[in-house]
Amino acid sequence: MDSVKAQGNQELSAALSRGKAYIGRRTVMGTTVGGYAWKDLTTPANPGFPRDACAVSVTYTGQRAYVKVLTTGGDVSEIFCDYSAAGFACPLGWQAVVRP
C-alpha cells in the first residue's frame, strides 16, 4: 500500500490486494480521520491490468491521481483517475510505462 497527502484535507492511497489494485480517498482533518472510499481498478472498465502485479504506488497532480504497479517480471503499468467529491473517474485503463 502507498499513500500521499493530496490537496486540502484529502489523502489518496493505492492498495494491491489478492491480485487486484485499488485507489482510495479519505478525509484527514487534524486528528479526525474519515473512512476510505475505494475503487477497484481491475474491472473490465479499466482494461490492461497486469495480472502479475506485486507492488503499487500512488501520486497526484491537481485533481488527477496516478496509480502505478510493478510486475514480477519488471514491467510497469499506470492508470490515471480524476477525483472529486463524486468519486474517481478513470477513463483510459492501464497503460504500459517504459521499463526501469
PDB file of N, CA and C in Angstrom:
ATOM      1  N   MET A   1       0.849  -1.177   0.000  1.00  0.00           N
ATOM      2  CA  MET A   1       0.000   0.000   0.000  1.00  0.00           C
ATOM      3  C   MET A   1       0.893   1.238   0.000  1.00  0.00           C
ATOM      4  N   ASP A   2       0.396   2.288  -0.634  1.00  0.00           N
ATOM      5  CA  ASP A   2       1.108   3.562  -0.681  1.00  0.00           C
ATOM      6  C   ASP A   2       0.071   4.662  -0.489  1.00  0.00           C
ATOM      7  N   SER A   3       0.474   5.749   0.181  1.00  0.00           N
ATOM      8  CA  SER A   3      -0.436   6.867   0.432  1.00  0.00           C
ATOM      9  C   SER A   3       0.289   8.176   0.214  1.00  0.00           C
ATOM     10  N   VAL A   4      -0.486   9.215  -0.105  1.00  0.00           N
ATOM     11  CA  VAL A   4       0.064  10.549  -0.304  1.00  0.00           C
ATOM     12  C   VAL A   4      -0.963  11.571   0.149  1.00  0.00           C
ATOM     13  N   LYS A   5      -0.489  12.634   0.751  1.00  0.00           N
ATOM     14  CA  LYS A   5      -1.365  13.749   1.123  1.00  0.00           C
ATOM     15  C   LYS A   5      -1.668  14.528  -0.141  1.00  0.00           C
ATOM     16  N   ALA A   6      -2.919  14.668  -0.462  1.00  0.00           N
ATOM     17  CA  ALA A   6      -3.325  15.385  -1.671  1.00  0.00           C
ATOM     18  C   ALA A   6      -3.774  16.794  -1.282  1.00  0.00           C
ATOM     19  N   GLN A   7      -4.467  17.440  -2.190  1.00  0.00           N
ATOM     20  CA  GLN A   7      -4.911  18.811  -1.941  1.00  0.00           C
ATOM     21  C   GLN A   7      -5.879  18.881  -0.772  1.00  0.00           C
ATOM     22  N   GLY A   8      -5.808  20.005  -0.082  1.00  0.00           N
ATOM     23  CA  GLY A   8      -6.736  20.237   1.022  1.00  0.00           C
ATOM     24  C   GLY A   8      -6.583  19.204   2.113  1.00  0.00           C
ATOM     25  N   ASN A   9      -7.684  18.626   2.521  1.00  0.00           N
ATOM     26  CA  ASN A   9      -7.670  17.653   3.604  1.00  0.00           C
ATOM     27  C   ASN A   9      -7.823  16.220   3.085  1.00  0.00           C
ATOM     28  N   GLN A  10      -7.370  15.979   1.868  1.00  0.00           N
ATOM     29  CA  GLN A  10      -7.532  14.666   1.244  1.00  0.00           C
ATOM     30  C   GLN A  10      -6.260  13.833   1.323  1.00  0.00           C
ATOM     31  N   GLU A  11      -6.436  12.542   1.561  1.00  0.00           N
ATOM     32  CA  GLU A  11      -5.357  11.570   1.473  1.00  0.00           C
ATOM     33  C   GLU A  11      -5.742  10.566   0.404  1.00  0.00           C
ATOM     34  N   LEU A  12      -4.824  10.286  -0.512  1.00  0.00           N
ATOM     35  CA  LEU A  12      -5.041   9.286  -1.553  1.00  0.00           C
ATOM     36  C   LEU A  12      -4.173   8.075  -1.246  1.00  0.00           C
ATOM     37  N   SER A  13      -4.716   6.887  -1.479  1.00  0.00           N
ATOM     38  CA  SER A  13      -3.972   5.661  -1.254  1.00  0.00           C
ATOM     39  C   SER A  13      -4.191   4.703  -2.408  1.00  0.00           C
ATOM     40  N   ALA A  14      -3.190   3.858  -2.634  1.00  0.00           N
ATOM     41  CA  ALA A  14      -3.302   2.764  -3.589  1.00  0.00           C
ATOM     42  C   ALA A  14      -2.996   1.486  -2.825  1.00  0.00           C
ATOM     43  N   ALA A  15      -3.739   0.438  -3.111  1.00  0.00           N
ATOM     44  CA  ALA A  15      -3.533  -0.846  -2.445  1.00  0.00           C
ATOM     45  C   ALA A  15      -3.541  -1.956  -3.474  1.00  0.00           C
ATOM     46  N   LEU A  16      -2.735  -2.951  -3.226  1.00  0.00           N
ATOM     47  CA  LEU A  16      -2.684  -4.164  -4.041  1.00  0.00           C
ATOM     48  C   LEU A  16      -3.067  -5.304  -3.112  1.00  0.00           C
ATOM     49  N   SER A  17      -4.191  -5.951  -3.394  1.00  0.00           N
ATOM     50  CA  SER A  17      -4.703  -6.992  -2.507  1.00  0.00           C
ATOM     51  C   SER A  17      -5.345  -8.109  -3.308  1.00  0.00           C
ATOM     52  N   ARG A  18      -4.874  -9.321  -3.097  1.00  0.00           N
ATOM     53  CA  ARG A  18      -5.434 -10.516  -3.749  1.00  0.00           C
ATOM     54  C   ARG A  18      -5.513 -10.380  -5.267  1.00  0.00           C
ATOM     55  N   GLY A  19      -4.460  -9.823  -5.845  1.00  0.00           N
ATOM     56  CA  GLY A  19      -4.388  -9.714  -7.296  1.00  0.00           C
ATOM     57  C   GLY A  19      -5.158  -8.561  -7.899  1.00  0.00           C
ATOM     58  N   LYS A  20      -5.661  -7.667  -7.087  1.00  0.00           N
ATOM     59  CA  LYS A  20      -6.402  -6.510  -7.578  1.00  0.00           C
ATOM     60  C   LYS A  20      -5.764  -5.227  -7.071  1.00  0.00           C
ATOM     61  N   ALA A  21      -5.897  -4.161  -7.852  1.00  0.00           N
ATOM     62  CA  ALA A  21      -5.398  -2.844  -7.457  1.00  0.00           C
ATOM     63  C   ALA A  21      -6.599  -1.942  -7.158  1.00  0.00           C
ATOM     64  N   TYR A  22      -6.439  -1.118  -6.133  1.00  0.00           N
ATOM     65  CA  TYR A  22      -7.489  -0.204  -5.709  1.00  0.00           C
ATOM     66  C   TYR A  22      -6.900   1.188  -5.520  1.00  0.00           C
ATOM     67  N   ILE A  23      -7.738   2.193  -5.725  1.00  0.00           N
ATOM     68  CA  ILE A  23      -7.397   3.549  -5.331  1.00  0.00           C
ATOM     69  C   ILE A  23      -8.441   3.969  -4.306  1.00  0.00           C
ATOM     70  N   GLY A  24      -7.979   4.698  -3.290  1.00  0.00           N
ATOM     71  CA  GLY A  24      -8.887   5.126  -2.238  1.00  0.00           C
ATOM     72  C   GLY A  24      -8.630   6.562  -1.832  1.00  0.00           C
ATOM     73  N   ARG A  25      -9.642   7.130  -1.224  1.00  0.00           N
ATOM     74  CA  ARG A  25      -9.536   8.509  -0.761  1.00  0.00           C
ATOM     75  C   ARG A  25     -10.246   8.618   0.581  1.00  0.00           C
ATOM     76  N   ARG A  26      -9.647   9.420   1.461  1.00  0.00           N
ATOM     77  CA  ARG A  26     -10.296   9.714   2.731  1.00  0.00           C
ATOM     78  C   ARG A  26      -9.945  11.126   3.162  1.00  0.00           C
ATOM     79  N   THR A  27     -10.745  11.666   4.063  1.00  0.00           N
ATOM     80  CA  THR A  27     -10.535  13.000   4.592  1.00  0.00           C
ATOM     81  C   THR A  27      -9.760  12.897   5.898  1.00  0.00           C
ATOM     82  N   VAL A  28      -8.743  13.757   6.027  1.00  0.00           N
ATOM     83  CA  VAL A  28      -7.955  13.828   7.250  1.00  0.00           C
ATOM     84  C   VAL A  28      -7.940  15.280   7.694  1.00  0.00           C
ATOM     85  N   MET A  29      -8.543  15.541   8.850  1.00  0.00           N
ATOM     86  CA  MET A  29      -8.607  16.904   9.388  1.00  0.00           C
ATOM     87  C   MET A  29      -8.095  16.873  10.826  1.00  0.00           C
ATOM     88  N   GLY A  30      -6.854  17.324  11.015  1.00  0.00           N
ATOM     89  CA  GLY A  30      -6.257  17.277  12.347  1.00  0.00           C
ATOM     90  C   GLY A  30      -6.116  15.842  12.807  1.00  0.00           C
ATOM     91  N   THR A  31      -6.752  15.516  13.918  1.00  0.00           N
ATOM     92  CA  THR A  31      -6.707  14.145  14.426  1.00  0.00           C
ATOM     93  C   THR A  31      -7.933  13.337  14.018  1.00  0.00           C
ATOM     94  N   THR A  32      -8.820  13.943  13.233  1.00  0.00           N
ATOM     95  CA  THR A  32     -10.018  13.251  12.764  1.00  0.00           C
ATOM     96  C   THR A  32      -9.755  12.653  11.385  1.00  0.00           C
ATOM     97  N   VAL A  33      -9.924  11.345  11.286  1.00  0.00           N
ATOM     98  CA  VAL A  33      -9.663  10.635  10.032  1.00  0.00           C
ATOM     99  C   VAL A  33     -10.941   9.943   9.587  1.00  0.00           C
ATOM    100  N   GLY A  34     -11.346  10.225   8.362  1.00  0.00           N
ATOM    101  CA  GLY A  34     -12.552   9.605   7.811  1.00  0.00           C
ATOM    102  C   GLY A  34     -12.275   8.217   7.268  1.00  0.00           C
ATOM    103  N   GLY A  35     -13.321   7.548   6.865  1.00  0.00           N
ATOM    104  CA  GLY A  35     -13.195   6.224   6.263  1.00  0.00           C
ATOM    105  C   GLY A  35     -12.815   6.325   4.795  1.00  0.00           C
ATOM    106  N   TYR A  36     -12.221   5.268   4.282  1.00  0.00           N
ATOM    107  CA  TYR A  36     -11.833   5.227   2.866  1.00  0.00           C
ATOM    108  C   TYR A  36     -13.029   4.970   1.961  1.00  0.00           C
ATOM    109  N   ALA A  37     -13.013   5.593   0.796  1.00  0.00           N
ATOM    110  CA  ALA A  37     -13.889   5.247  -0.320  1.00  0.00           C
ATOM    111  C   ALA A  37     -12.965   4.624  -1.360  1.00  0.00           C
ATOM    112  N   TRP A  38     -13.105   3.321  -1.629  1.00  0.00           N
ATOM    113  CA  TRP A  38     -12.213   2.586  -2.529  1.00  0.00           C
ATOM    114  C   TRP A  38     -12.847   2.372  -3.893  1.00  0.00           C
ATOM    115  N   LYS A  39     -12.008   2.319  -4.927  1.00  0.00           N
ATOM    116  CA  LYS A  39     -12.440   1.985  -6.285  1.00  0.00           C
ATOM    117  C   LYS A  39     -11.538   0.870  -6.794  1.00  0.00           C
ATOM    118  N   ASP A  40     -12.143  -0.214  -7.265  1.00  0.00           N
ATOM    119  CA  ASP A  40     -11.417  -1.333  -7.857  1.00  0.00           C
ATOM    120  C   ASP A  40     -10.937  -0.917  -9.246  1.00  0.00           C
ATOM    121  N   LEU A  41      -9.641  -0.990  -9.485  1.00  0.00           N
ATOM    122  CA  LEU A  41      -9.060  -0.590 -10.774  1.00  0.00           C
ATOM    123  C   LEU A  41      -8.817  -1.774 -11.701  1.00  0.00           C
ATOM    124  N   THR A  42      -9.350  -2.942 -11.354  1.00  0.00           N
ATOM    125  CA  THR A  42      -9.106  -4.147 -12.153  1.00  0.00           C
ATOM    126  C   THR A  42     -10.378  -4.674 -12.819  1.00  0.00           C
ATOM    127  N   THR A  43     -11.384  -3.833 -12.942  1.00  0.00           N
ATOM    128  CA  THR A  43     -12.638  -4.243 -13.576  1.00  0.00           C
ATOM    129  C   THR A  43     -12.517  -4.116 -15.101  1.00  0.00           C
ATOM    130  N   PRO A  44     -13.449  -4.690 -15.866  1.00  0.00           N
ATOM    131  CA  PRO A  44     -13.428  -4.539 -17.330  1.00  0.00           C
ATOM    132  C   PRO A  44     -13.463  -3.078 -17.799  1.00  0.00           C
ATOM    133  N   ALA A  45     -13.953  -2.178 -16.957  1.00  0.00           N
ATOM    134  CA  ALA A  45     -13.967  -0.756 -17.318  1.00  0.00           C
ATOM    135  C   ALA A  45     -12.562  -0.161 -17.348  1.00  0.00           C
ATOM    136  N   ASN A  46     -11.604  -0.867 -16.756  1.00  0.00           N
ATOM    137  CA  ASN A  46     -10.203  -0.429 -16.713  1.00  0.00           C
ATOM    138  C   ASN A  46      -9.321  -1.526 -17.299  1.00  0.00           C
ATOM    139  N   PRO A  47      -9.354  -1.726 -18.619  1.00  0.00           N
ATOM    140  CA  PRO A  47      -8.616  -2.838 -19.229  1.00  0.00           C
ATOM    141  C   PRO A  47      -7.105  -2.660 -19.148  1.00  0.00           C
ATOM    142  N   GLY A  48      -6.402  -3.798 -19.249  1.00  0.00           N
ATOM    143  CA  GLY A  48      -4.947  -3.782 -19.348  1.00  0.00           C
ATOM    144  C   GLY A  48      -4.200  -4.009 -18.051  1.00  0.00           C
ATOM    145  N   PHE A  49      -4.900  -4.317 -16.947  1.00  0.00           N
ATOM    146  CA  PHE A  49      -4.205  -4.532 -15.679  1.00  0.00           C
ATOM    147  C   PHE A  49      -3.336  -5.776 -15.763  1.00  0.00           C
ATOM    148  N   PRO A  50      -2.048  -5.661 -15.410  1.00  0.00           N
ATOM    149  CA  PRO A  50      -1.170  -6.836 -15.458  1.00  0.00           C
ATOM    150  C   PRO A  50      -1.459  -7.785 -14.294  1.00  0.00           C
ATOM    151  N   ARG A  51      -1.698  -9.022 -14.570  1.00  0.00           N
ATOM    152  CA  ARG A  51      -2.100  -9.995 -13.549  1.00  0.00           C
ATOM    153  C   ARG A  51      -0.982 -10.371 -12.582  1.00  0.00           C
ATOM    154  N   ASP A  52       0.261 -10.066 -12.904  1.00  0.00           N
ATOM    155  CA  ASP A  52       1.362 -10.440 -12.008  1.00  0.00           C
ATOM    156  C   ASP A  52       1.924  -9.231 -11.267  1.00  0.00           C
ATOM    157  N   ALA A  53       1.071  -8.257 -10.976  1.00  0.00           N
ATOM    158  CA  ALA A  53       1.492  -7.069 -10.230  1.00  0.00           C
ATOM    159  C   ALA A  53       1.888  -7.476  -8.814  1.00  0.00           C
ATOM    160  N   CYS A  54       2.968  -6.872  -8.328  1.00  0.00           N
ATOM    161  CA  CYS A  54       3.452  -7.229  -6.987  1.00  0.00           C
ATOM    162  C   CYS A  54       3.758  -6.009  -6.125  1.00  0.00           C
ATOM    163  N   ALA A  55       3.711  -4.801  -6.673  1.00  0.00           N
ATOM    164  CA  ALA A  55       3.967  -3.573  -5.916  1.00  0.00           C
ATOM    165  C   ALA A  55       3.116  -2.455  -6.498  1.00  0.00           C
ATOM    166  N   VAL A  56       2.783  -1.459  -5.663  1.00  0.00           N
ATOM    167  CA  VAL A  56       1.894  -0.380  -6.096  1.00  0.00           C
ATOM    168  C   VAL A  56       2.383   0.947  -5.523  1.00  0.00           C
ATOM    169  N   SER A  57       2.113   2.025  -6.256  1.00  0.00           N
ATOM    170  CA  SER A  57       2.405   3.373  -5.761  1.00  0.00           C
ATOM    171  C   SER A  57       1.320   4.323  -6.248  1.00  0.00           C
ATOM    172  N   VAL A  58       1.228   5.479  -5.579  1.00  0.00           N
ATOM    173  CA  VAL A  58       0.245   6.491  -5.960  1.00  0.00           C
ATOM    174  C   VAL A  58       0.895   7.865  -5.859  1.00  0.00           C
ATOM    175  N   THR A  59       0.512   8.745  -6.759  1.00  0.00           N
ATOM    176  CA  THR A  59       0.914  10.148  -6.713  1.00  0.00           C
ATOM    177  C   THR A  59      -0.238  10.963  -7.284  1.00  0.00           C
ATOM    178  N   TYR A  60      -0.126  12.264  -7.247  1.00  0.00           N
ATOM    179  CA  TYR A  60      -1.199  13.090  -7.793  1.00  0.00           C
ATOM    180  C   TYR A  60      -0.622  14.399  -8.298  1.00  0.00           C
ATOM    181  N   THR A  61      -1.397  15.032  -9.156  1.00  0.00           N
ATOM    182  CA  THR A  61      -1.143  16.399  -9.572  1.00  0.00           C
ATOM    183  C   THR A  61      -2.511  17.036  -9.768  1.00  0.00           C
ATOM    184  N   GLY A  62      -2.785  18.079  -9.023  1.00  0.00           N
ATOM    185  CA  GLY A  62      -4.107  18.701  -9.091  1.00  0.00           C
ATOM    186  C   GLY A  62      -5.189  17.723  -8.683  1.00  0.00           C
ATOM    187  N   GLN A  63      -6.188  17.555  -9.518  1.00  0.00           N
ATOM    188  CA  GLN A  63      -7.290  16.628  -9.255  1.00  0.00           C
ATOM    189  C   GLN A  63      -7.111  15.302  -9.991  1.00  0.00           C
ATOM    190  N   ARG A  64      -5.888  14.965 -10.363  1.00  0.00           N
ATOM    191  CA  ARG A  64      -5.615  13.715 -11.073  1.00  0.00           C
ATOM    192  C   ARG A  64      -4.647  12.868 -10.256  1.00  0.00           C
ATOM    193  N   ALA A  65      -5.025  11.627 -10.021  1.00  0.00           N
ATOM    194  CA  ALA A  65      -4.188  10.672  -9.297  1.00  0.00           C
ATOM    195  C   ALA A  65      -3.647   9.643 -10.280  1.00  0.00           C
ATOM    196  N   TYR A  66      -2.428   9.191 -10.037  1.00  0.00           N
ATOM    197  CA  TYR A  66      -1.771   8.177 -10.864  1.00  0.00           C
ATOM    198  C   TYR A  66      -1.427   6.984  -9.996  1.00  0.00           C
ATOM    199  N   VAL A  67      -1.857   5.807 -10.408  1.00  0.00           N
ATOM    200  CA  VAL A  67      -1.511   4.570  -9.715  1.00  0.00           C
ATOM    201  C   VAL A  67      -0.620   3.773 -10.649  1.00  0.00           C
ATOM    202  N   LYS A  68       0.518   3.324 -10.118  1.00  0.00           N
ATOM    203  CA  LYS A  68       1.461   2.525 -10.891  1.00  0.00           C
ATOM    204  C   LYS A  68       1.639   1.185 -10.211  1.00  0.00           C
ATOM    205  N   VAL A  69       1.806   0.128 -11.007  1.00  0.00           N
ATOM    206  CA  VAL A  69       2.130  -1.189 -10.468  1.00  0.00           C
ATOM    207  C   VAL A  69       3.387  -1.718 -11.156  1.00  0.00           C
ATOM    208  N   LEU A  70       4.152  -2.468 -10.398  1.00  0.00           N
ATOM    209  CA  LEU A  70       5.333  -3.173 -10.888  1.00  0.00           C
ATOM    210  C   LEU A  70       4.987  -4.651 -10.914  1.00  0.00           C
ATOM    211  N   THR A  71       5.372  -5.358 -11.977  1.00  0.00           N
ATOM    212  CA  THR A  71       5.087  -6.788 -12.066  1.00  0.00           C
ATOM    213  C   THR A  71       6.305  -7.598 -11.624  1.00  0.00           C
ATOM    214  N   THR A  72       6.076  -8.883 -11.399  1.00  0.00           N
ATOM    215  CA  THR A  72       7.165  -9.771 -11.012  1.00  0.00           C
ATOM    216  C   THR A  72       8.201  -9.885 -12.126  1.00  0.00           C
ATOM    217  N   GLY A  73       7.828  -9.594 -13.353  1.00  0.00           N
ATOM    218  CA  GLY A  73       8.761  -9.623 -14.480  1.00  0.00           C
ATOM    219  C   GLY A  73       9.474  -8.307 -14.726  1.00  0.00           C
ATOM    220  N   GLY A  74       9.182  -7.275 -13.926  1.00  0.00           N
ATOM    221  CA  GLY A  74       9.857  -5.993 -14.046  1.00  0.00           C
ATOM    222  C   GLY A  74       9.171  -4.963 -14.921  1.00  0.00           C
ATOM    223  N   ASP A  75       7.967  -5.262 -15.402  1.00  0.00           N
ATOM    224  CA  ASP A  75       7.220  -4.290 -16.204  1.00  0.00           C
ATOM    225  C   ASP A  75       6.469  -3.324 -15.285  1.00  0.00           C
ATOM    226  N   VAL A  76       6.203  -2.119 -15.793  1.00  0.00           N
ATOM    227  CA  VAL A  76       5.461  -1.108 -15.047  1.00  0.00           C
ATOM    228  C   VAL A  76       4.247  -0.690 -15.870  1.00  0.00           C
ATOM    229  N   SER A  77       3.101  -0.602 -15.217  1.00  0.00           N
ATOM    230  CA  SER A  77       1.878  -0.112 -15.849  1.00  0.00           C
ATOM    231  C   SER A  77       1.286   0.970 -14.965  1.00  0.00           C
ATOM    232  N   GLU A  78       0.499   1.859 -15.601  1.00  0.00           N
ATOM    233  CA  GLU A  78      -0.036   3.017 -14.895  1.00  0.00           C
ATOM    234  C   GLU A  78      -1.463   3.287 -15.353  1.00  0.00           C
ATOM    235  N   ILE A  79      -2.250   3.823 -14.436  1.00  0.00           N
ATOM    236  CA  ILE A  79      -3.587   4.290 -14.762  1.00  0.00           C
ATOM    237  C   ILE A  79      -3.768   5.646 -14.084  1.00  0.00           C
ATOM    238  N   PHE A  80      -4.511   6.549 -14.703  1.00  0.00           N
ATOM    239  CA  PHE A  80      -4.808   7.810 -14.031  1.00  0.00           C
ATOM    240  C   PHE A  80      -6.302   7.910 -13.784  1.00  0.00           C
ATOM    241  N   CYS A  81      -6.634   8.586 -12.695  1.00  0.00           N
ATOM    242  CA  CYS A  81      -8.024   8.791 -12.313  1.00  0.00           C
ATOM    243  C   CYS A  81      -8.199  10.236 -11.884  1.00  0.00           C
ATOM    244  N   ASP A  82      -9.214  10.877 -12.399  1.00  0.00           N
ATOM    245  CA  ASP A  82      -9.576  12.196 -11.916  1.00  0.00           C
ATOM    246  C   ASP A  82     -10.478  11.982 -10.703  1.00  0.00           C
ATOM    247  N   TYR A  83     -10.297  12.788  -9.666  1.00  0.00           N
ATOM    248  CA  TYR A  83     -11.105  12.604  -8.471  1.00  0.00           C
ATOM    249  C   TYR A  83     -11.795  13.893  -8.070  1.00  0.00           C
ATOM    250  N   SER A  84     -12.964  13.716  -7.480  1.00  0.00           N
ATOM    251  CA  SER A  84     -13.783  14.830  -6.991  1.00  0.00           C
ATOM    252  C   SER A  84     -14.622  14.294  -5.840  1.00  0.00           C
ATOM    253  N   ALA A  85     -15.486  15.124  -5.312  1.00  0.00           N
ATOM    254  CA  ALA A  85     -16.367  14.681  -4.233  1.00  0.00           C
ATOM    255  C   ALA A  85     -17.250  13.515  -4.678  1.00  0.00           C
ATOM    256  N   ALA A  86     -17.505  13.420  -5.979  1.00  0.00           N
ATOM    257  CA  ALA A  86     -18.352  12.351  -6.508  1.00  0.00           C
ATOM    258  C   ALA A  86     -17.623  11.014  -6.613  1.00  0.00           C
ATOM    259  N   GLY A  87     -16.302  11.022  -6.515  1.00  0.00           N
ATOM    260  CA  GLY A  87     -15.545   9.772  -6.619  1.00  0.00           C
ATOM    261  C   GLY A  87     -14.439   9.865  -7.655  1.00  0.00           C
ATOM    262  N   PHE A  88     -14.061   8.708  -8.198  1.00  0.00           N
ATOM    263  CA  PHE A  88     -12.982   8.602  -9.170  1.00  0.00           C
ATOM    264  C   PHE A  88     -13.524   8.298 -10.558  1.00  0.00           C
ATOM    265  N   ALA A  89     -12.935   8.917 -11.572  1.00  0.00           N
ATOM    266  CA  ALA A  89     -13.231   8.607 -12.975  1.00  0.00           C
ATOM    267  C   ALA A  89     -11.904   8.264 -13.642  1.00  0.00           C
ATOM    268  N   CYS A  90     -11.791   7.035 -14.151  1.00  0.00           N
ATOM    269  CA  CYS A  90     -10.541   6.535 -14.732  1.00  0.00           C
ATOM    270  C   CYS A  90     -10.827   6.157 -16.187  1.00  0.00           C
ATOM    271  N   PRO A  91     -10.716   7.102 -17.122  1.00  0.00           N
ATOM    272  CA  PRO A  91     -11.243   6.912 -18.469  1.00  0.00           C
ATOM    273  C   PRO A  91     -10.435   6.048 -19.446  1.00  0.00           C
ATOM    274  N   LEU A  92      -9.154   5.814 -19.220  1.00  0.00           N
ATOM    275  CA  LEU A  92      -8.353   5.168 -20.269  1.00  0.00           C
ATOM    276  C   LEU A  92      -7.883   3.755 -19.988  1.00  0.00           C
ATOM    277  N   GLY A  93      -8.014   3.255 -18.817  1.00  0.00           N
ATOM    278  CA  GLY A  93      -7.481   1.916 -18.499  1.00  0.00           C
ATOM    279  C   GLY A  93      -5.978   1.981 -18.257  1.00  0.00           C
ATOM    280  N   TRP A  94      -5.377   0.823 -18.099  1.00  0.00           N
ATOM    281  CA  TRP A  94      -3.954   0.699 -17.782  1.00  0.00           C
ATOM    282  C   TRP A  94      -3.086   0.860 -19.015  1.00  0.00           C
ATOM    283  N   GLN A  95      -1.977   1.557 -18.847  1.00  0.00           N
ATOM    284  CA  GLN A  95      -1.037   1.818 -19.947  1.00  0.00           C
ATOM    285  C   GLN A  95       0.353   1.345 -19.515  1.00  0.00           C
ATOM    286  N   ALA A  96       1.103   0.784 -20.444  1.00  0.00           N
ATOM    287  CA  ALA A  96       2.481   0.377 -20.163  1.00  0.00           C
ATOM    288  C   ALA A  96       3.363   1.608 -20.009  1.00  0.00           C
ATOM    289  N   VAL A  97       4.310   1.537 -19.085  1.00  0.00           N
ATOM    290  CA  VAL A  97       5.300   2.580 -18.848  1.00  0.00           C
ATOM    291  C   VAL A  97       6.649   1.999 -19.223  1.00  0.00           C
ATOM    292  N   VAL A  98       7.568   2.821 -19.687  1.00  0.00           N
ATOM    293  CA  VAL A  98       8.902   2.347 -20.048  1.00  0.00           C
ATOM    294  C   VAL A  98       9.521   1.652 -18.845  1.00  0.00           C
ATOM    295  N   ARG A  99      10.070   0.483 -19.089  1.00  0.00           N
ATOM    296  CA  ARG A  99      10.673  -0.341 -18.050  1.00  0.00           C
ATOM    297  C   ARG A  99      11.873   0.346 -17.393  1.00  0.00           C
ATOM    298  N   PRO A 100      12.023   0.177 -16.064  1.00  0.00           N
ATOM    299  CA  PRO A 100      13.198   0.761 -15.406  1.00  0.00           C
ATOM    300  C   PRO A 100      14.471   0.012 -15.772  1.00  0.00           C
TER     301      PRO A 100
END
